[in-house]
């Protein structure tokens, strides 16, 4: 049976080898609530009911998008798993949820145990950064469905928050301070446009160094810098003061994501002069001749997570973040309005 399946393009033995390679990486993510190990039909997690008075489960799912095309081109596969966790964990984080566990789905044309191990090692690293357990997943070999040497990924994160501690933006009022936590670069959004701008001609190479990057990293490495995971930074602030609202700056940039946390009677006034913008964004703007509105409607522009606090708590929040070696910028304020973003400066 296995020989017939192998002739059809599915290597069962390679699958077994991939699972064995995963185990040491998955073990890094274990939490006390995890029951059992890999290999079951479902991941088991004992809910920590004693920690929450009125728990609400929060779930999120996402992928890495066409950023994966850069992984295929460069052969760098150990960072996209971090992206996968980040895109899910950061999303549930903005309502105040603690990520509990994570599952991944990985589908490929032909299973390469070494490549799969690199990907899952990245997923495990992301889970360690987010404090959640990798309790299971699925690796599917699908010959003839995906192009040769290519794969796709999806992730699923479940977290929990006490109902009376949920962060939904309803306490945001004019005069509140907007804090920005820096991104590591492009994160995992806008790559369809990135690829069109940078690789539709022979003008740009993945080997070209990008200025203002540490050690003048080649463009390929810069583009594949993994998405930052903000769980520990946000938890540090929540331990010191209330947060009125948060937004994860993903697809749609500032223009679409910040209004999602605003009440109907408020605008977010952003001062674009208050934080440094990565050189990769300047390169993209130049190559595409894009105006500022398009840039802030597509990319994170150097800010990966936005946090709103009352003015009386701003200094405390900043100090907590600085004590945790987290950079933070006061990037604006809440003003009366109609659930819009106002960009000023640059």
C-alpha atoms as a PDB file:
ATOM      1  CA  UNK A   1       0.000   0.000   0.000  1.00  0.00           C
ATOM      2  CA  UNK A   2       2.751   2.483   0.989  1.00  0.00           C
ATOM      3  CA  UNK A   3       4.685   1.735  -2.235  1.00  0.00           C
ATOM      4  CA  UNK A   4       1.589   2.429  -4.316  1.00  0.00           C
ATOM      5  CA  UNK A   5       0.994   5.652  -2.397  1.00  0.00           C
ATOM      6  CA  UNK A   6       4.647   6.630  -2.864  1.00  0.00           C
ATOM      7  CA  UNK A   7       4.348   6.088  -6.601  1.00  0.00           C
ATOM      8  CA  UNK A   8       1.370   8.449  -6.501  1.00  0.00           C
ATOM      9  CA  UNK A   9       3.635  11.090  -4.956  1.00  0.00           C
ATOM     10  CA  UNK A  10       2.965  10.674  -1.221  1.00  0.00           C
ATOM     11  CA  UNK A  11       5.859   9.445   0.940  1.00  0.00           C
ATOM     12  CA  UNK A  12       4.452   8.099   4.229  1.00  0.00           C
ATOM     13  CA  UNK A  13       7.905   7.352   5.619  1.00  0.00           C
ATOM     14  CA  UNK A  14       8.979  10.955   5.040  1.00  0.00           C
ATOM     15  CA  UNK A  15       5.912  11.981   7.011  1.00  0.00           C
ATOM     16  CA  UNK A  16       6.916   9.814   9.949  1.00  0.00           C
ATOM     17  CA  UNK A  17      10.431  11.265   9.831  1.00  0.00           C
ATOM     18  CA  UNK A  18       9.062  14.823   9.789  1.00  0.00           C
ATOM     19  CA  UNK A  19       6.956  14.155  12.891  1.00  0.00           C
ATOM     20  CA  UNK A  20       9.966  12.772  14.744  1.00  0.00           C
ATOM     21  CA  UNK A  21      11.967  15.885  13.839  1.00  0.00           C
ATOM     22  CA  UNK A  22       9.163  18.122  15.104  1.00  0.00           C
ATOM     23  CA  UNK A  23       8.978  16.652  18.583  1.00  0.00           C
ATOM     24  CA  UNK A  24      11.965  18.440  20.105  1.00  0.00           C
ATOM     25  CA  UNK A  25      10.702  21.775  18.834  1.00  0.00           C
ATOM     26  CA  UNK A  26       7.154  21.205  20.071  1.00  0.00           C
ATOM     27  CA  UNK A  27       8.530  20.247  23.498  1.00  0.00           C
ATOM     28  CA  UNK A  28       9.890  23.803  23.905  1.00  0.00           C
ATOM     29  CA  UNK A  29       6.339  25.176  23.942  1.00  0.00           C
ATOM     30  CA  UNK A  30       4.829  22.928  26.618  1.00  0.00           C
ATOM     31  CA  UNK A  31       2.661  24.489  29.324  1.00  0.00           C
ATOM     32  CA  UNK A  32       1.444  22.725  32.493  1.00  0.00           C
ATOM     33  CA  UNK A  33      -2.070  22.501  31.041  1.00  0.00           C
ATOM     34  CA  UNK A  34      -0.999  20.371  28.066  1.00  0.00           C
ATOM     35  CA  UNK A  35      -2.085  16.742  28.271  1.00  0.00           C
ATOM     36  CA  UNK A  36      -0.489  14.078  26.068  1.00  0.00           C
ATOM     37  CA  UNK A  37       1.827  14.678  23.139  1.00  0.00           C
ATOM     38  CA  UNK A  38       1.948  14.613  19.359  1.00  0.00           C
ATOM     39  CA  UNK A  39       0.268  11.807  17.474  1.00  0.00           C
ATOM     40  CA  UNK A  40      -3.285  11.872  18.805  1.00  0.00           C
ATOM     41  CA  UNK A  41      -6.371  12.757  16.832  1.00  0.00           C
ATOM     42  CA  UNK A  42      -6.758  15.947  18.858  1.00  0.00           C
ATOM     43  CA  UNK A  43      -4.597  18.188  21.010  1.00  0.00           C
ATOM     44  CA  UNK A  44      -5.500  18.114  24.698  1.00  0.00           C
ATOM     45  CA  UNK A  45      -5.375  21.189  26.908  1.00  0.00           C
ATOM     46  CA  UNK A  46      -6.786  21.373  30.440  1.00  0.00           C
ATOM     47  CA  UNK A  47      -8.455  24.759  30.778  1.00  0.00           C
ATOM     48  CA  UNK A  48      -7.036  26.766  33.736  1.00  0.00           C
ATOM     49  CA  UNK A  49     -10.479  27.555  35.136  1.00  0.00           C
ATOM     50  CA  UNK A  50      -9.119  28.536  38.569  1.00  0.00           C
ATOM     51  CA  UNK A  51      -7.342  31.570  37.055  1.00  0.00           C
ATOM     52  CA  UNK A  52     -10.460  33.242  35.638  1.00  0.00           C
ATOM     53  CA  UNK A  53     -13.682  34.429  37.270  1.00  0.00           C
ATOM     54  CA  UNK A  54     -15.719  34.693  34.072  1.00  0.00           C
ATOM     55  CA  UNK A  55     -13.555  33.390  31.214  1.00  0.00           C
ATOM     56  CA  UNK A  56     -14.192  34.204  27.577  1.00  0.00           C
ATOM     57  CA  UNK A  57     -12.394  32.149  24.941  1.00  0.00           C
ATOM     58  CA  UNK A  58     -10.880  34.187  22.106  1.00  0.00           C
ATOM     59  CA  UNK A  59      -9.796  32.538  18.850  1.00  0.00           C
ATOM     60  CA  UNK A  60      -7.924  33.707  15.794  1.00  0.00           C
ATOM     61  CA  UNK A  61      -6.742  32.243  12.516  1.00  0.00           C
ATOM     62  CA  UNK A  62      -4.462  33.542   9.784  1.00  0.00           C
ATOM     63  CA  UNK A  63      -1.743  32.648   7.309  1.00  0.00           C
ATOM     64  CA  UNK A  64       1.525  34.150   6.113  1.00  0.00           C
ATOM     65  CA  UNK A  65       0.311  35.131   2.649  1.00  0.00           C
ATOM     66  CA  UNK A  66       2.537  35.678  -0.355  1.00  0.00           C
ATOM     67  CA  UNK A  67       5.515  36.369   1.912  1.00  0.00           C
ATOM     68  CA  UNK A  68       5.982  32.615   1.485  1.00  0.00           C
ATOM     69  CA  UNK A  69       7.103  33.278  -2.100  1.00  0.00           C
ATOM     70  CA  UNK A  70      10.206  34.951  -0.658  1.00  0.00           C
ATOM     71  CA  UNK A  71      10.878  31.902   1.507  1.00  0.00           C
ATOM     72  CA  UNK A  72      10.752  29.728  -1.621  1.00  0.00           C
ATOM     73  CA  UNK A  73      13.126  32.055  -3.506  1.00  0.00           C
ATOM     74  CA  UNK A  74      15.677  32.377  -0.708  1.00  0.00           C
ATOM     75  CA  UNK A  75      15.463  28.917   0.853  1.00  0.00           C
ATOM     76  CA  UNK A  76      14.936  30.592   4.256  1.00  0.00           C
ATOM     77  CA  UNK A  77      12.170  28.635   5.983  1.00  0.00           C
ATOM     78  CA  UNK A  78      12.813  29.083   9.709  1.00  0.00           C
ATOM     79  CA  UNK A  79      11.207  32.538  10.042  1.00  0.00           C
ATOM     80  CA  UNK A  80       7.770  32.112   8.439  1.00  0.00           C
ATOM     81  CA  UNK A  81       6.572  29.926  11.296  1.00  0.00           C
ATOM     82  CA  UNK A  82       7.159  32.845  13.667  1.00  0.00           C
ATOM     83  CA  UNK A  83       5.085  35.005  11.315  1.00  0.00           C
ATOM     84  CA  UNK A  84       2.290  32.453  11.439  1.00  0.00           C
ATOM     85  CA  UNK A  85       2.054  32.535  15.230  1.00  0.00           C
ATOM     86  CA  UNK A  86       2.442  36.306  15.365  1.00  0.00           C
ATOM     87  CA  UNK A  87      -0.419  37.001  12.992  1.00  0.00           C
ATOM     88  CA  UNK A  88      -2.791  34.950  15.146  1.00  0.00           C
ATOM     89  CA  UNK A  89      -1.487  35.685  18.651  1.00  0.00           C
ATOM     90  CA  UNK A  90      -1.273  39.453  18.131  1.00  0.00           C
ATOM     91  CA  UNK A  91      -4.845  39.519  16.856  1.00  0.00           C
ATOM     92  CA  UNK A  92      -6.334  37.880  19.946  1.00  0.00           C
ATOM     93  CA  UNK A  93      -3.990  39.891  22.161  1.00  0.00           C
ATOM     94  CA  UNK A  94      -5.653  43.209  21.327  1.00  0.00           C
ATOM     95  CA  UNK A  95      -8.783  42.244  23.295  1.00  0.00           C
ATOM     96  CA  UNK A  96      -6.587  41.434  26.288  1.00  0.00           C
ATOM     97  CA  UNK A  97      -6.503  37.672  25.757  1.00  0.00           C
ATOM     98  CA  UNK A  98      -3.682  35.446  26.979  1.00  0.00           C
ATOM     99  CA  UNK A  99      -2.766  32.989  24.175  1.00  0.00           C
ATOM    100  CA  UNK A 100      -3.171  29.421  25.482  1.00  0.00           C
ATOM    101  CA  UNK A 101      -2.518  27.054  22.611  1.00  0.00           C
ATOM    102  CA  UNK A 102      -1.813  26.974  18.904  1.00  0.00           C
ATOM    103  CA  UNK A 103      -2.320  24.568  16.013  1.00  0.00           C
ATOM    104  CA  UNK A 104      -0.866  24.772  12.528  1.00  0.00           C
ATOM    105  CA  UNK A 105      -1.767  23.415   9.109  1.00  0.00           C
ATOM    106  CA  UNK A 106       1.002  22.909   6.567  1.00  0.00           C
ATOM    107  CA  UNK A 107       0.389  21.640   3.046  1.00  0.00           C
ATOM    108  CA  UNK A 108       3.093  20.989   0.460  1.00  0.00           C
ATOM    109  CA  UNK A 109       3.590  19.418  -2.932  1.00  0.00           C
ATOM    110  CA  UNK A 110       6.258  17.016  -1.669  1.00  0.00           C
ATOM    111  CA  UNK A 111       7.220  16.461   1.937  1.00  0.00           C
ATOM    112  CA  UNK A 112      10.838  17.328   2.714  1.00  0.00           C
ATOM    113  CA  UNK A 113      11.516  16.457   6.396  1.00  0.00           C
ATOM    114  CA  UNK A 114      14.367  18.966   6.649  1.00  0.00           C
ATOM    115  CA  UNK A 115      12.245  21.812   5.265  1.00  0.00           C
ATOM    116  CA  UNK A 116       9.276  20.849   7.444  1.00  0.00           C
ATOM    117  CA  UNK A 117      11.500  20.805  10.515  1.00  0.00           C
ATOM    118  CA  UNK A 118      12.724  24.334   9.770  1.00  0.00           C
ATOM    119  CA  UNK A 119       9.158  25.593   9.380  1.00  0.00           C
ATOM    120  CA  UNK A 120       7.887  23.925  12.562  1.00  0.00           C
ATOM    121  CA  UNK A 121      10.953  25.119  14.477  1.00  0.00           C
ATOM    122  CA  UNK A 122       9.814  28.635  13.577  1.00  0.00           C
ATOM    123  CA  UNK A 123       6.260  27.903  14.701  1.00  0.00           C
ATOM    124  CA  UNK A 124       7.628  26.611  18.005  1.00  0.00           C
ATOM    125  CA  UNK A 125       9.799  29.702  18.455  1.00  0.00           C
ATOM    126  CA  UNK A 126       6.744  31.885  17.836  1.00  0.00           C
ATOM    127  CA  UNK A 127       4.784  29.926  20.436  1.00  0.00           C
ATOM    128  CA  UNK A 128       7.605  30.366  22.967  1.00  0.00           C
ATOM    129  CA  UNK A 129       7.551  34.130  22.339  1.00  0.00           C
ATOM    130  CA  UNK A 130       3.748  34.200  22.698  1.00  0.00           C
ATOM    131  CA  UNK A 131       3.715  31.917  25.752  1.00  0.00           C
ATOM    132  CA  UNK A 132       1.301  29.449  24.165  1.00  0.00           C
ATOM    133  CA  UNK A 133       1.610  25.700  23.643  1.00  0.00           C
ATOM    134  CA  UNK A 134       1.870  24.085  20.217  1.00  0.00           C
ATOM    135  CA  UNK A 135      -0.500  21.173  20.874  1.00  0.00           C
ATOM    136  CA  UNK A 136      -1.011  19.778  17.382  1.00  0.00           C
ATOM    137  CA  UNK A 137      -1.372  20.370  13.696  1.00  0.00           C
ATOM    138  CA  UNK A 138      -1.556  18.765  10.285  1.00  0.00           C
ATOM    139  CA  UNK A 139       1.060  18.222   7.609  1.00  0.00           C
ATOM    140  CA  UNK A 140      -0.470  17.357   4.256  1.00  0.00           C
ATOM    141  CA  UNK A 141       1.447  16.125   1.214  1.00  0.00           C
ATOM    142  CA  UNK A 142      -0.575  17.008  -1.879  1.00  0.00           C
ATOM    143  CA  UNK A 143       1.282  16.192  -5.128  1.00  0.00           C
ATOM    144  CA  UNK A 144      -0.133  17.927  -8.167  1.00  0.00           C
ATOM    145  CA  UNK A 145      -1.999  20.470  -6.069  1.00  0.00           C
ATOM    146  CA  UNK A 146       0.856  22.819  -5.134  1.00  0.00           C
ATOM    147  CA  UNK A 147       3.735  23.836  -7.379  1.00  0.00           C
ATOM    148  CA  UNK A 148       7.005  21.966  -6.943  1.00  0.00           C
ATOM    149  CA  UNK A 149       8.892  22.882  -3.739  1.00  0.00           C
ATOM    150  CA  UNK A 150       6.105  25.191  -2.553  1.00  0.00           C
ATOM    151  CA  UNK A 151       3.825  25.038   0.481  1.00  0.00           C
ATOM    152  CA  UNK A 152       1.101  26.961   2.282  1.00  0.00           C
ATOM    153  CA  UNK A 153       0.432  27.476   5.985  1.00  0.00           C
ATOM    154  CA  UNK A 154      -2.442  28.395   8.265  1.00  0.00           C
ATOM    155  CA  UNK A 155      -2.486  28.868  12.018  1.00  0.00           C
ATOM    156  CA  UNK A 156      -5.112  28.718  14.727  1.00  0.00           C
ATOM    157  CA  UNK A 157      -4.710  30.299  18.170  1.00  0.00           C
ATOM    158  CA  UNK A 158      -7.012  30.074  21.203  1.00  0.00           C
ATOM    159  CA  UNK A 159      -6.707  32.371  24.200  1.00  0.00           C
ATOM    160  CA  UNK A 160      -8.727  33.513  27.189  1.00  0.00           C
ATOM    161  CA  UNK A 161      -9.643  36.757  28.938  1.00  0.00           C
ATOM    162  CA  UNK A 162     -11.871  37.521  31.901  1.00  0.00           C
ATOM    163  CA  UNK A 163     -15.026  39.176  30.615  1.00  0.00           C
ATOM    164  CA  UNK A 164     -14.637  42.207  32.875  1.00  0.00           C
ATOM    165  CA  UNK A 165     -11.067  42.687  31.621  1.00  0.00           C
ATOM    166  CA  UNK A 166     -11.849  42.592  27.903  1.00  0.00           C
ATOM    167  CA  UNK A 167     -10.380  45.498  25.929  1.00  0.00           C
ATOM    168  CA  UNK A 168     -12.922  46.703  23.377  1.00  0.00           C
ATOM    169  CA  UNK A 169     -12.250  50.424  22.977  1.00  0.00           C
ATOM    170  CA  UNK A 170     -15.473  51.539  24.701  1.00  0.00           C
ATOM    171  CA  UNK A 171     -13.530  53.481  27.355  1.00  0.00           C
ATOM    172  CA  UNK A 172     -11.528  55.477  24.790  1.00  0.00           C
ATOM    173  CA  UNK A 173     -12.242  59.225  25.049  1.00  0.00           C
ATOM    174  CA  UNK A 174     -10.704  62.418  23.629  1.00  0.00           C
ATOM    175  CA  UNK A 175      -7.443  63.281  25.387  1.00  0.00           C
ATOM    176  CA  UNK A 176      -6.228  59.694  25.588  1.00  0.00           C
ATOM    177  CA  UNK A 177      -2.655  59.039  24.503  1.00  0.00           C
ATOM    178  CA  UNK A 178      -1.768  56.776  21.569  1.00  0.00           C
ATOM    179  CA  UNK A 179       1.390  54.688  22.011  1.00  0.00           C
ATOM    180  CA  UNK A 180       3.110  52.807  19.199  1.00  0.00           C
ATOM    181  CA  UNK A 181       5.242  49.700  19.562  1.00  0.00           C
ATOM    182  CA  UNK A 182       7.726  49.341  16.707  1.00  0.00           C
ATOM    183  CA  UNK A 183       7.524  46.665  14.059  1.00  0.00           C
ATOM    184  CA  UNK A 184      10.507  44.655  12.873  1.00  0.00           C
ATOM    185  CA  UNK A 185       9.845  45.643   9.272  1.00  0.00           C
ATOM    186  CA  UNK A 186       7.121  44.626   6.845  1.00  0.00           C
ATOM    187  CA  UNK A 187       5.787  41.861   9.079  1.00  0.00           C
ATOM    188  CA  UNK A 188       3.468  39.693   6.914  1.00  0.00           C
ATOM    189  CA  UNK A 189       1.303  42.088   4.944  1.00  0.00           C
ATOM    190  CA  UNK A 190       1.482  43.829   1.590  1.00  0.00           C
ATOM    191  CA  UNK A 191       3.764  41.288  -0.054  1.00  0.00           C
ATOM    192  CA  UNK A 192       1.761  41.048  -3.271  1.00  0.00           C
ATOM    193  CA  UNK A 193       2.535  44.748  -3.784  1.00  0.00           C
ATOM    194  CA  UNK A 194       6.110  44.318  -2.513  1.00  0.00           C
ATOM    195  CA  UNK A 195       6.824  41.584  -5.048  1.00  0.00           C
ATOM    196  CA  UNK A 196       5.292  43.618  -7.852  1.00  0.00           C
ATOM    197  CA  UNK A 197       7.317  46.712  -6.987  1.00  0.00           C
ATOM    198  CA  UNK A 198      10.652  45.030  -6.369  1.00  0.00           C
ATOM    199  CA  UNK A 199      10.735  41.986  -8.617  1.00  0.00           C
ATOM    200  CA  UNK A 200       8.716  42.816 -11.732  1.00  0.00           C
ATOM    201  CA  UNK A 201      11.981  43.913 -13.363  1.00  0.00           C
ATOM    202  CA  UNK A 202      15.658  43.068 -13.016  1.00  0.00           C
ATOM    203  CA  UNK A 203      16.437  46.307 -11.184  1.00  0.00           C
ATOM    204  CA  UNK A 204      16.365  44.803  -7.684  1.00  0.00           C
ATOM    205  CA  UNK A 205      18.052  41.639  -6.426  1.00  0.00           C
ATOM    206  CA  UNK A 206      17.409  39.672  -3.238  1.00  0.00           C
ATOM    207  CA  UNK A 207      21.156  39.864  -2.649  1.00  0.00           C
ATOM    208  CA  UNK A 208      21.270  43.669  -2.694  1.00  0.00           C
ATOM    209  CA  UNK A 209      22.075  45.153   0.726  1.00  0.00           C
ATOM    210  CA  UNK A 210      19.430  47.377   2.306  1.00  0.00           C
ATOM    211  CA  UNK A 211      20.850  50.553   3.816  1.00  0.00           C
ATOM    212  CA  UNK A 212      20.319  51.369   7.500  1.00  0.00           C
ATOM    213  CA  UNK A 213      19.874  47.678   8.308  1.00  0.00           C
ATOM    214  CA  UNK A 214      22.281  45.936  10.731  1.00  0.00           C
ATOM    215  CA  UNK A 215      25.352  44.798   8.824  1.00  0.00           C
ATOM    216  CA  UNK A 216      23.678  45.881   5.578  1.00  0.00           C
ATOM    217  CA  UNK A 217      21.590  42.717   5.418  1.00  0.00           C
ATOM    218  CA  UNK A 218      20.629  41.509   1.946  1.00  0.00           C
ATOM    219  CA  UNK A 219      17.134  42.418   0.785  1.00  0.00           C
ATOM    220  CA  UNK A 220      15.918  38.814   0.990  1.00  0.00           C
ATOM    221  CA  UNK A 221      16.740  38.596   4.689  1.00  0.00           C
ATOM    222  CA  UNK A 222      15.217  41.993   5.390  1.00  0.00           C
ATOM    223  CA  UNK A 223      11.957  41.016   3.687  1.00  0.00           C
ATOM    224  CA  UNK A 224      11.828  37.760   5.648  1.00  0.00           C
ATOM    225  CA  UNK A 225      12.427  39.364   9.050  1.00  0.00           C
ATOM    226  CA  UNK A 226       9.687  37.758  11.167  1.00  0.00           C
ATOM    227  CA  UNK A 227       6.698  39.594  12.573  1.00  0.00           C
ATOM    228  CA  UNK A 228       7.112  40.811  16.149  1.00  0.00           C
ATOM    229  CA  UNK A 229       5.025  39.136  18.823  1.00  0.00           C
ATOM    230  CA  UNK A 230       3.757  41.661  21.381  1.00  0.00           C
ATOM    231  CA  UNK A 231       2.303  39.352  24.044  1.00  0.00           C
ATOM    232  CA  UNK A 232       4.910  39.889  26.746  1.00  0.00           C
ATOM    233  CA  UNK A 233       5.046  43.652  26.200  1.00  0.00           C
ATOM    234  CA  UNK A 234       1.275  44.023  26.468  1.00  0.00           C
ATOM    235  CA  UNK A 235       1.071  41.738  29.490  1.00  0.00           C
ATOM    236  CA  UNK A 236       3.693  43.888  31.221  1.00  0.00           C
ATOM    237  CA  UNK A 237       1.589  47.012  30.674  1.00  0.00           C
ATOM    238  CA  UNK A 238      -1.624  45.291  31.767  1.00  0.00           C
ATOM    239  CA  UNK A 239       0.114  44.365  35.010  1.00  0.00           C
ATOM    240  CA  UNK A 240       0.720  48.059  35.717  1.00  0.00           C
ATOM    241  CA  UNK A 241      -2.214  50.028  34.292  1.00  0.00           C
ATOM    242  CA  UNK A 242      -5.391  49.723  32.213  1.00  0.00           C
ATOM    243  CA  UNK A 243      -5.286  49.771  28.411  1.00  0.00           C
ATOM    244  CA  UNK A 244      -8.287  51.402  26.765  1.00  0.00           C
ATOM    245  CA  UNK A 245      -7.802  49.993  23.272  1.00  0.00           C
ATOM    246  CA  UNK A 246      -5.349  48.255  20.958  1.00  0.00           C
ATOM    247  CA  UNK A 247      -4.938  47.634  17.255  1.00  0.00           C
ATOM    248  CA  UNK A 248      -2.669  45.163  15.477  1.00  0.00           C
ATOM    249  CA  UNK A 249      -1.383  46.947  12.364  1.00  0.00           C
ATOM    250  CA  UNK A 250      -1.729  44.327   9.647  1.00  0.00           C
ATOM    251  CA  UNK A 251      -3.297  44.402   6.167  1.00  0.00           C
ATOM    252  CA  UNK A 252      -4.868  47.801   5.611  1.00  0.00           C
ATOM    253  CA  UNK A 253      -2.176  49.567   7.613  1.00  0.00           C
ATOM    254  CA  UNK A 254      -3.079  52.486   9.868  1.00  0.00           C
ATOM    255  CA  UNK A 255      -6.105  53.549   7.842  1.00  0.00           C
ATOM    256  CA  UNK A 256      -8.119  50.353   8.300  1.00  0.00           C
ATOM    257  CA  UNK A 257      -6.851  48.892  11.568  1.00  0.00           C
ATOM    258  CA  UNK A 258      -6.818  51.806  14.011  1.00  0.00           C
ATOM    259  CA  UNK A 259     -10.527  52.672  13.504  1.00  0.00           C
ATOM    260  CA  UNK A 260     -11.420  49.111  14.525  1.00  0.00           C
ATOM    261  CA  UNK A 261     -10.630  50.011  18.160  1.00  0.00           C
ATOM    262  CA  UNK A 262     -12.268  53.466  18.149  1.00  0.00           C
ATOM    263  CA  UNK A 263     -15.744  54.358  19.486  1.00  0.00           C
ATOM    264  CA  UNK A 264     -18.050  56.197  17.084  1.00  0.00           C
ATOM    265  CA  UNK A 265     -17.315  59.678  18.494  1.00  0.00           C
ATOM    266  CA  UNK A 266     -13.509  59.572  18.354  1.00  0.00           C
ATOM    267  CA  UNK A 267     -10.725  60.036  15.830  1.00  0.00           C
ATOM    268  CA  UNK A 268      -7.090  59.029  16.156  1.00  0.00           C
ATOM    269  CA  UNK A 269      -4.751  61.925  15.369  1.00  0.00           C
ATOM    270  CA  UNK A 270      -1.354  60.489  14.428  1.00  0.00           C
ATOM    271  CA  UNK A 271       1.858  62.534  14.311  1.00  0.00           C
ATOM    272  CA  UNK A 272       3.996  60.861  11.653  1.00  0.00           C
ATOM    273  CA  UNK A 273       7.147  62.611  12.887  1.00  0.00           C
ATOM    274  CA  UNK A 274       7.269  60.726  16.191  1.00  0.00           C
ATOM    275  CA  UNK A 275       8.961  57.450  15.217  1.00  0.00           C
ATOM    276  CA  UNK A 276      11.640  56.282  12.771  1.00  0.00           C
ATOM    277  CA  UNK A 277      10.487  54.563   9.579  1.00  0.00           C
ATOM    278  CA  UNK A 278      12.450  51.554   8.339  1.00  0.00           C
ATOM    279  CA  UNK A 279      14.434  52.076   5.159  1.00  0.00           C
ATOM    280  CA  UNK A 280      12.563  49.210   3.474  1.00  0.00           C
ATOM    281  CA  UNK A 281       9.433  51.379   3.407  1.00  0.00           C
ATOM    282  CA  UNK A 282      11.349  54.257   1.823  1.00  0.00           C
ATOM    283  CA  UNK A 283      12.632  51.844  -0.829  1.00  0.00           C
ATOM    284  CA  UNK A 284       9.107  50.626  -1.589  1.00  0.00           C
ATOM    285  CA  UNK A 285       7.709  54.150  -1.752  1.00  0.00           C
ATOM    286  CA  UNK A 286      10.451  55.172  -4.159  1.00  0.00           C
ATOM    287  CA  UNK A 287      10.150  52.105  -6.388  1.00  0.00           C
ATOM    288  CA  UNK A 288       6.376  52.409  -6.606  1.00  0.00           C
ATOM    289  CA  UNK A 289       6.124  56.200  -6.558  1.00  0.00           C
ATOM    290  CA  UNK A 290       3.469  55.760  -3.854  1.00  0.00           C
ATOM    291  CA  UNK A 291       1.902  58.614  -1.902  1.00  0.00           C
ATOM    292  CA  UNK A 292       1.828  58.633   1.892  1.00  0.00           C
ATOM    293  CA  UNK A 293      -1.850  57.690   2.090  1.00  0.00           C
ATOM    294  CA  UNK A 294      -1.220  54.540   0.069  1.00  0.00           C
ATOM    295  CA  UNK A 295       1.799  53.668   2.212  1.00  0.00           C
ATOM    296  CA  UNK A 296      -0.172  54.034   5.462  1.00  0.00           C
ATOM    297  CA  UNK A 297      -3.124  52.188   3.933  1.00  0.00           C
ATOM    298  CA  UNK A 298      -0.971  49.190   3.019  1.00  0.00           C
ATOM    299  CA  UNK A 299       1.982  48.820   5.393  1.00  0.00           C
ATOM    300  CA  UNK A 300       2.651  49.151   9.124  1.00  0.00           C
ATOM    301  CA  UNK A 301       5.290  51.833   8.427  1.00  0.00           C
ATOM    302  CA  UNK A 302       7.351  50.858  11.457  1.00  0.00           C
ATOM    303  CA  UNK A 303       4.565  50.520  14.043  1.00  0.00           C
ATOM    304  CA  UNK A 304       3.234  47.011  14.588  1.00  0.00           C
ATOM    305  CA  UNK A 305       0.869  47.553  17.502  1.00  0.00           C
ATOM    306  CA  UNK A 306      -1.013  50.643  18.668  1.00  0.00           C
ATOM    307  CA  UNK A 307      -2.110  51.053  22.278  1.00  0.00           C
ATOM    308  CA  UNK A 308      -4.386  53.711  23.783  1.00  0.00           C
ATOM    309  CA  UNK A 309      -4.073  54.657  27.460  1.00  0.00           C
ATOM    310  CA  UNK A 310      -5.496  57.433  29.584  1.00  0.00           C
ATOM    311  CA  UNK A 311      -3.116  60.405  29.793  1.00  0.00           C
ATOM    312  CA  UNK A 312      -2.581  59.809  33.510  1.00  0.00           C
ATOM    313  CA  UNK A 313      -1.254  56.302  32.764  1.00  0.00           C
ATOM    314  CA  UNK A 314       0.954  57.143  29.768  1.00  0.00           C
ATOM    315  CA  UNK A 315       4.173  57.694  31.705  1.00  0.00           C
ATOM    316  CA  UNK A 316       3.637  54.519  33.724  1.00  0.00           C
ATOM    317  CA  UNK A 317       3.031  52.449  30.588  1.00  0.00           C
ATOM    318  CA  UNK A 318       6.122  53.870  28.904  1.00  0.00           C
ATOM    319  CA  UNK A 319       8.278  53.181  31.949  1.00  0.00           C
ATOM    320  CA  UNK A 320       7.053  49.595  32.175  1.00  0.00           C
ATOM    321  CA  UNK A 321       7.842  49.017  28.511  1.00  0.00           C
ATOM    322  CA  UNK A 322      11.262  50.621  28.798  1.00  0.00           C
ATOM    323  CA  UNK A 323      12.038  48.510  31.867  1.00  0.00           C
ATOM    324  CA  UNK A 324      11.195  45.473  29.732  1.00  0.00           C
ATOM    325  CA  UNK A 325      13.622  46.708  27.035  1.00  0.00           C
ATOM    326  CA  UNK A 326      10.714  47.539  24.738  1.00  0.00           C
ATOM    327  CA  UNK A 327      10.869  50.628  22.548  1.00  0.00           C
ATOM    328  CA  UNK A 328       7.703  52.710  22.561  1.00  0.00           C
ATOM    329  CA  UNK A 329       6.684  56.031  21.018  1.00  0.00           C
ATOM    330  CA  UNK A 330       3.935  58.532  21.777  1.00  0.00           C
ATOM    331  CA  UNK A 331       2.521  58.703  18.260  1.00  0.00           C
ATOM    332  CA  UNK A 332      -0.663  60.704  18.760  1.00  0.00           C
ATOM    333  CA  UNK A 333      -3.825  61.395  20.697  1.00  0.00           C
ATOM    334  CA  UNK A 334      -7.541  60.720  20.621  1.00  0.00           C
ATOM    335  CA  UNK A 335      -9.664  63.665  19.505  1.00  0.00           C
ATOM    336  CA  UNK A 336     -13.400  64.163  18.880  1.00  0.00           C
ATOM    337  CA  UNK A 337     -14.466  62.824  15.513  1.00  0.00           C
ATOM    338  CA  UNK A 338     -16.160  60.012  13.656  1.00  0.00           C
ATOM    339  CA  UNK A 339     -14.027  56.879  13.929  1.00  0.00           C
ATOM    340  CA  UNK A 340     -11.316  58.011  11.507  1.00  0.00           C
ATOM    341  CA  UNK A 341      -7.516  58.305  11.385  1.00  0.00           C
ATOM    342  CA  UNK A 342      -5.974  61.718  10.834  1.00  0.00           C
ATOM    343  CA  UNK A 343      -2.365  61.651   9.657  1.00  0.00           C
ATOM    344  CA  UNK A 344      -0.138  64.691  10.132  1.00  0.00           C
ATOM    345  CA  UNK A 345       3.566  65.437   9.876  1.00  0.00           C
ATOM    346  CA  UNK A 346       5.916  63.881   7.269  1.00  0.00           C
END
